[in-house]
């Protein structure tokens, strides 16, 4: 699973397996926590990310929505800058 970004202890990844499905989403690992985030809405679809981590990943997802959707559609991964 390719890593798209890392910041504040969070690792953002995107799967490209036949089993992956819509809506377009990213996977976030933060220590023992994880979350699946809808790219279009930045809402957590599944997971248990703490509120502070979720707020940061939602801000980052909103900033990079177009690039993330393009990666989802083309499966051409590139690293994106971290949230600062």
Protein backbone atom coordinates (compact mmCIF):
# COMPACT_ATOMS: atom_id res chain seq x y z
CA UNK A 1 0.00 0.00 0.00
CA UNK A 2 1.74 3.19 -1.16
CA UNK A 3 2.38 5.93 1.39
CA UNK A 4 1.09 9.32 0.24
CA UNK A 5 2.15 11.45 3.21
CA UNK A 6 3.39 11.40 6.81
CA UNK A 7 2.86 14.08 9.41
CA UNK A 8 2.33 14.41 13.16
CA UNK A 9 2.72 10.65 13.57
CA UNK A 10 0.07 9.87 10.97
CA UNK A 11 0.71 7.79 7.87
CA UNK A 12 -1.64 8.31 4.91
CA UNK A 13 -1.97 5.45 2.41
CA UNK A 14 -4.11 4.45 -0.54
CA UNK A 15 -4.87 0.85 -1.55
CA UNK A 16 -5.06 -0.23 -5.17
CA UNK A 17 -6.49 -3.70 -4.97
CA UNK A 18 -9.40 -5.20 -6.83
CA UNK A 19 -11.25 -5.36 -3.51
CA UNK A 20 -11.10 -1.57 -3.00
CA UNK A 21 -14.34 0.15 -3.70
CA UNK A 22 -16.07 3.50 -3.84
CA UNK A 23 -16.37 5.99 -2.35
CA UNK A 24 -12.81 7.15 -3.01
CA UNK A 25 -10.97 7.02 0.31
CA UNK A 26 -7.62 7.02 2.08
CA UNK A 27 -6.37 4.93 4.98
CA UNK A 28 -4.77 6.66 7.96
CA UNK A 29 -2.67 4.95 10.61
CA UNK A 30 -1.89 6.86 13.80
CA UNK A 31 -0.14 4.66 16.33
CA UNK A 32 -2.69 2.08 17.43
CA UNK A 33 -5.54 3.96 15.75
CA UNK A 34 -6.77 3.79 12.19
CA UNK A 35 -9.31 5.49 10.01
CA UNK A 36 -10.77 5.30 6.54
CA UNK A 37 -11.50 8.80 5.26
CA UNK A 38 -13.81 9.68 2.35
CA UNK A 39 -11.80 11.91 0.00
CA UNK A 40 -14.82 13.90 -1.20
CA UNK A 41 -16.32 14.69 2.21
CA UNK A 42 -13.30 14.21 4.51
CA UNK A 43 -15.58 12.27 6.87
CA UNK A 44 -14.39 9.13 8.64
CA UNK A 45 -16.15 6.10 7.15
CA UNK A 46 -14.63 3.63 9.62
CA UNK A 47 -12.10 3.70 12.37
CA UNK A 48 -11.24 5.12 15.74
CA UNK A 49 -8.96 8.12 15.14
CA UNK A 50 -8.89 10.53 18.08
CA UNK A 51 -10.75 13.81 17.44
CA UNK A 52 -7.58 15.92 17.18
CA UNK A 53 -5.99 13.54 14.64
CA UNK A 54 -9.26 13.35 12.71
CA UNK A 55 -9.49 17.15 12.51
CA UNK A 56 -5.93 17.34 11.15
CA UNK A 57 -6.49 14.64 8.54
CA UNK A 58 -9.76 16.28 7.49
CA UNK A 59 -7.94 19.59 6.97
CA UNK A 60 -5.19 17.85 4.99
CA UNK A 61 -7.72 15.92 2.88
CA UNK A 62 -9.58 19.13 2.03
CA UNK A 63 -6.30 20.79 0.99
CA UNK A 64 -5.37 17.90 -1.33
CA UNK A 65 -8.80 16.72 -2.50
CA UNK A 66 -8.14 17.20 -6.23
CA UNK A 67 -4.78 15.43 -6.14
CA UNK A 68 -6.21 12.55 -4.08
CA UNK A 69 -9.16 12.07 -6.43
CA UNK A 70 -6.81 12.05 -9.40
CA UNK A 71 -4.65 9.39 -7.71
CA UNK A 72 -7.76 7.31 -7.00
CA UNK A 73 -8.86 7.50 -10.64
CA UNK A 74 -5.46 7.00 -12.32
CA UNK A 75 -3.71 4.86 -9.69
CA UNK A 76 -0.68 7.07 -10.26
CA UNK A 77 0.66 7.72 -6.76
CA UNK A 78 2.74 10.69 -5.78
CA UNK A 79 3.79 11.93 -2.38
CA UNK A 80 1.92 14.97 -1.08
CA UNK A 81 3.29 17.54 1.37
CA UNK A 82 2.45 17.17 5.04
CA UNK A 83 0.14 19.39 7.02
CA UNK A 84 2.17 22.17 8.62
